[in-house]
Structure formats: C-alpha cells, structure tokens
N, C-alpha and C. Protein backbone atom coordinates (compact mmCIF):
# COMPACT_ATOMS: atom_id res chain seq x y z
N UNK A 1 5.08 -6.19 -12.18
CA UNK A 1 5.10 -5.74 -10.80
C UNK A 1 4.17 -4.55 -10.64
N UNK A 2 3.38 -4.56 -9.61
CA UNK A 2 2.51 -3.43 -9.33
C UNK A 2 3.35 -2.26 -8.83
N UNK A 3 2.97 -1.07 -9.22
CA UNK A 3 3.64 0.15 -8.76
C UNK A 3 2.90 0.67 -7.54
N UNK A 4 3.65 1.05 -6.52
CA UNK A 4 3.07 1.60 -5.30
C UNK A 4 3.48 3.05 -5.14
N UNK A 5 2.55 3.84 -4.63
CA UNK A 5 2.84 5.22 -4.27
C UNK A 5 2.44 5.41 -2.82
N UNK A 6 3.40 5.84 -2.00
CA UNK A 6 3.17 6.07 -0.58
C UNK A 6 2.97 7.55 -0.33
N UNK A 7 2.02 7.89 0.53
CA UNK A 7 1.72 9.28 0.84
C UNK A 7 1.84 9.52 2.33
N UNK A 8 2.22 10.75 2.69
CA UNK A 8 2.26 11.25 4.07
C UNK A 8 2.96 10.26 5.00
N UNK A 9 2.27 9.84 6.08
CA UNK A 9 2.87 8.96 7.08
C UNK A 9 3.31 7.62 6.53
N UNK A 10 2.66 7.13 5.49
CA UNK A 10 3.07 5.86 4.88
C UNK A 10 4.43 6.03 4.19
N UNK A 11 4.64 7.16 3.55
CA UNK A 11 5.94 7.44 2.91
C UNK A 11 7.02 7.57 3.97
N UNK A 12 6.70 8.21 5.08
CA UNK A 12 7.67 8.34 6.16
C UNK A 12 8.04 6.98 6.73
N UNK A 13 7.05 6.13 6.96
CA UNK A 13 7.31 4.80 7.54
C UNK A 13 8.10 3.92 6.57
N UNK A 14 7.84 4.04 5.28
CA UNK A 14 8.55 3.25 4.28
C UNK A 14 9.89 3.87 3.92
N UNK A 15 10.06 5.13 4.27
CA UNK A 15 11.24 5.91 3.87
C UNK A 15 11.40 5.90 2.34
N UNK A 16 10.26 5.98 1.68
CA UNK A 16 10.22 5.98 0.22
C UNK A 16 8.89 6.55 -0.23
N UNK A 17 8.88 7.13 -1.42
CA UNK A 17 7.63 7.62 -2.02
C UNK A 17 7.01 6.60 -2.96
N UNK A 18 7.85 5.73 -3.53
CA UNK A 18 7.36 4.73 -4.49
C UNK A 18 8.09 3.41 -4.29
N UNK A 19 7.47 2.36 -4.84
CA UNK A 19 8.08 1.03 -4.82
C UNK A 19 7.38 0.19 -5.89
N UNK A 20 7.95 -0.96 -6.17
CA UNK A 20 7.34 -1.94 -7.06
C UNK A 20 7.37 -3.28 -6.35
N UNK A 21 6.26 -3.99 -6.40
CA UNK A 21 6.17 -5.30 -5.76
C UNK A 21 5.42 -6.27 -6.66
N UNK A 22 5.82 -7.51 -6.59
CA UNK A 22 5.15 -8.57 -7.32
C UNK A 22 4.19 -9.27 -6.37
N UNK A 23 2.89 -9.02 -6.53
CA UNK A 23 1.87 -9.62 -5.68
C UNK A 23 0.63 -9.86 -6.51
N UNK A 24 -0.05 -10.97 -6.27
CA UNK A 24 -1.25 -11.30 -7.03
C UNK A 24 -2.53 -10.77 -6.45
N UNK A 25 -2.50 -10.44 -5.13
CA UNK A 25 -3.68 -9.91 -4.45
C UNK A 25 -3.26 -8.83 -3.46
N UNK A 26 -4.23 -8.09 -2.97
CA UNK A 26 -3.95 -7.09 -1.93
C UNK A 26 -3.40 -7.76 -0.69
N UNK A 27 -3.90 -8.93 -0.33
CA UNK A 27 -3.39 -9.65 0.84
C UNK A 27 -1.92 -10.01 0.68
N UNK A 28 -1.54 -10.48 -0.50
CA UNK A 28 -0.13 -10.79 -0.77
C UNK A 28 0.70 -9.52 -0.73
N UNK A 29 0.14 -8.43 -1.23
CA UNK A 29 0.84 -7.16 -1.21
C UNK A 29 1.11 -6.72 0.23
N UNK A 30 0.11 -6.82 1.10
CA UNK A 30 0.29 -6.46 2.51
C UNK A 30 1.41 -7.30 3.14
N UNK A 31 1.42 -8.60 2.87
CA UNK A 31 2.45 -9.48 3.43
C UNK A 31 3.84 -9.07 2.92
N UNK A 32 3.95 -8.79 1.63
CA UNK A 32 5.23 -8.37 1.06
C UNK A 32 5.69 -7.04 1.65
N UNK A 33 4.76 -6.12 1.86
CA UNK A 33 5.11 -4.84 2.46
C UNK A 33 5.65 -5.03 3.87
N UNK A 34 5.03 -5.93 4.63
CA UNK A 34 5.50 -6.21 5.98
C UNK A 34 6.91 -6.76 5.99
N UNK A 35 7.20 -7.67 5.07
CA UNK A 35 8.54 -8.23 4.98
C UNK A 35 9.57 -7.18 4.59
N UNK A 36 9.18 -6.30 3.68
CA UNK A 36 10.13 -5.30 3.18
C UNK A 36 10.35 -4.16 4.16
N UNK A 37 9.27 -3.67 4.80
CA UNK A 37 9.37 -2.44 5.59
C UNK A 37 9.23 -2.63 7.10
N UNK A 38 8.83 -3.79 7.57
CA UNK A 38 8.84 -4.07 9.01
C UNK A 38 7.57 -3.70 9.76
N UNK A 39 7.65 -3.91 11.07
CA UNK A 39 6.46 -3.80 11.93
C UNK A 39 5.93 -2.38 12.07
N UNK A 40 6.80 -1.38 12.09
CA UNK A 40 6.31 0.00 12.21
C UNK A 40 5.51 0.39 10.96
N UNK A 41 5.99 0.00 9.81
CA UNK A 41 5.24 0.27 8.59
C UNK A 41 3.89 -0.45 8.64
N UNK A 42 3.88 -1.69 9.11
CA UNK A 42 2.62 -2.45 9.18
C UNK A 42 1.63 -1.78 10.12
N UNK A 43 2.12 -1.18 11.20
CA UNK A 43 1.23 -0.46 12.11
C UNK A 43 0.57 0.69 11.36
N UNK A 44 1.36 1.43 10.59
CA UNK A 44 0.82 2.53 9.80
C UNK A 44 -0.14 2.00 8.74
N UNK A 45 0.23 0.89 8.10
CA UNK A 45 -0.59 0.33 7.02
C UNK A 45 -1.99 -0.04 7.51
N UNK A 46 -2.12 -0.47 8.76
CA UNK A 46 -3.45 -0.82 9.28
C UNK A 46 -4.39 0.38 9.31
N UNK A 47 -3.83 1.59 9.29
CA UNK A 47 -4.64 2.81 9.30
C UNK A 47 -4.92 3.34 7.90
N UNK A 48 -4.26 2.78 6.91
CA UNK A 48 -4.30 3.32 5.55
C UNK A 48 -5.42 2.73 4.70
N UNK A 49 -5.81 3.51 3.71
CA UNK A 49 -6.67 3.03 2.63
C UNK A 49 -5.76 2.66 1.46
N UNK A 50 -6.14 1.62 0.74
CA UNK A 50 -5.41 1.23 -0.46
C UNK A 50 -6.32 1.45 -1.66
N UNK A 51 -5.80 2.15 -2.65
CA UNK A 51 -6.53 2.39 -3.88
C UNK A 51 -5.80 1.70 -5.02
N UNK A 52 -6.52 0.89 -5.77
CA UNK A 52 -5.95 0.23 -6.94
C UNK A 52 -6.50 0.94 -8.17
N UNK A 53 -5.62 1.60 -8.88
CA UNK A 53 -6.02 2.39 -10.06
C UNK A 53 -7.16 3.35 -9.73
N UNK A 54 -7.10 3.92 -8.52
CA UNK A 54 -8.08 4.92 -8.10
C UNK A 54 -9.31 4.38 -7.41
N UNK A 55 -9.49 3.06 -7.36
CA UNK A 55 -10.66 2.46 -6.71
C UNK A 55 -10.24 1.83 -5.39
N UNK A 56 -11.01 2.08 -4.34
CA UNK A 56 -10.67 1.55 -3.02
C UNK A 56 -10.68 0.02 -3.03
N UNK A 57 -9.64 -0.56 -2.44
CA UNK A 57 -9.51 -2.02 -2.33
C UNK A 57 -9.55 -2.38 -0.86
N UNK A 58 -10.73 -2.66 -0.34
CA UNK A 58 -10.87 -2.93 1.09
C UNK A 58 -10.81 -4.42 1.41
N UNK A 59 -10.73 -5.26 0.41
CA UNK A 59 -10.73 -6.71 0.60
C UNK A 59 -9.38 -7.28 0.17
N UNK A 60 -8.80 -8.14 1.00
CA UNK A 60 -7.50 -8.73 0.68
C UNK A 60 -7.53 -9.64 -0.53
N UNK A 61 -8.72 -10.01 -1.02
CA UNK A 61 -8.80 -10.89 -2.19
C UNK A 61 -8.80 -10.13 -3.51
N UNK A 62 -8.77 -8.79 -3.46
CA UNK A 62 -8.74 -8.00 -4.69
C UNK A 62 -7.49 -8.37 -5.48
N UNK A 63 -7.69 -8.73 -6.74
CA UNK A 63 -6.58 -9.15 -7.60
C UNK A 63 -5.76 -7.95 -8.06
N UNK A 64 -4.46 -8.18 -8.21
CA UNK A 64 -3.56 -7.16 -8.74
C UNK A 64 -2.91 -7.65 -10.02
N UNK A 65 -2.85 -6.77 -10.99
CA UNK A 65 -2.14 -7.05 -12.24
C UNK A 65 -0.79 -6.34 -12.20
N UNK A 66 0.17 -6.80 -12.96
CA UNK A 66 1.48 -6.15 -12.97
C UNK A 66 1.45 -4.69 -13.40
N UNK A 67 0.41 -4.29 -14.10
CA UNK A 67 0.31 -2.91 -14.58
C UNK A 67 -0.46 -2.00 -13.62
N UNK A 68 -0.95 -2.53 -12.50
CA UNK A 68 -1.74 -1.74 -11.55
C UNK A 68 -0.88 -0.77 -10.76
N UNK A 69 -1.51 0.34 -10.37
CA UNK A 69 -0.91 1.30 -9.45
C UNK A 69 -1.70 1.27 -8.16
N UNK A 70 -0.99 1.09 -7.05
CA UNK A 70 -1.61 1.04 -5.73
C UNK A 70 -1.16 2.26 -4.94
N UNK A 71 -2.12 3.06 -4.49
CA UNK A 71 -1.84 4.21 -3.64
C UNK A 71 -2.08 3.81 -2.19
N UNK A 72 -1.12 4.12 -1.33
CA UNK A 72 -1.21 3.83 0.11
C UNK A 72 -1.44 5.17 0.80
N UNK A 73 -2.69 5.37 1.26
CA UNK A 73 -3.12 6.66 1.78
C UNK A 73 -3.48 6.58 3.27
N UNK A 74 -2.70 7.23 4.13
CA UNK A 74 -3.09 7.30 5.54
C UNK A 74 -4.29 8.23 5.67
N UNK A 75 -4.95 8.18 6.82
CA UNK A 75 -6.06 9.12 7.03
C UNK A 75 -5.54 10.56 7.01
N UNK A 76 -6.34 11.43 6.43
CA UNK A 76 -5.97 12.84 6.37
C UNK A 76 -6.88 13.63 7.28
N UNK A 77 -6.33 14.60 7.97
CA UNK A 77 -7.13 15.50 8.79
C UNK A 77 -7.40 16.75 7.98
N UNK A 78 -8.58 17.25 8.09
CA UNK A 78 -8.92 18.46 7.36
C UNK A 78 -9.47 19.51 8.29
N UNK A 79 -9.63 20.66 7.77
CA UNK A 79 -10.15 21.70 8.65
C UNK A 79 -10.83 22.79 7.90
C-alpha cells in the first residue's frame, strides 16, 4: 500500500495527516481518495500537487508501488 501524507488544507479536508491506499496509478489513487473522503476532499484535491517520492506526478498514468510515499500538497501562499 502506498503511504500518503496530507498537508495544510488537504489534511483538514481528509481529517487526517496520513493514510495508506492500495492503488496502481495516480488515477486509481485519486478515485480511491474520492471514495474514502468524499466530494469536499476531491474539490481540494483538484487544487493540490501530488509528489511521489519527492517527484511531481502530474499525470494520472504515473505508476505507484506499494513502497511509494505520496505527498498531497495544496497551493501555498508566501510573502
């Protein structure tokens, strides 16, 4: 199972900082997240970047291994 880490607004929407999901691709992961956390989380997820082991995964076909770590990062404002 891939390990997920939620940050900022994504953690608030999921009401969790971490999770584990069994998914073969980023697209499958997004679908599983929607089933688990619902429509409000999915709204937040559309704004987020996904990093797989530190590398941005912008394509739903990116493969996931059970040992991967996926970071769910909402946009950050800086100043």
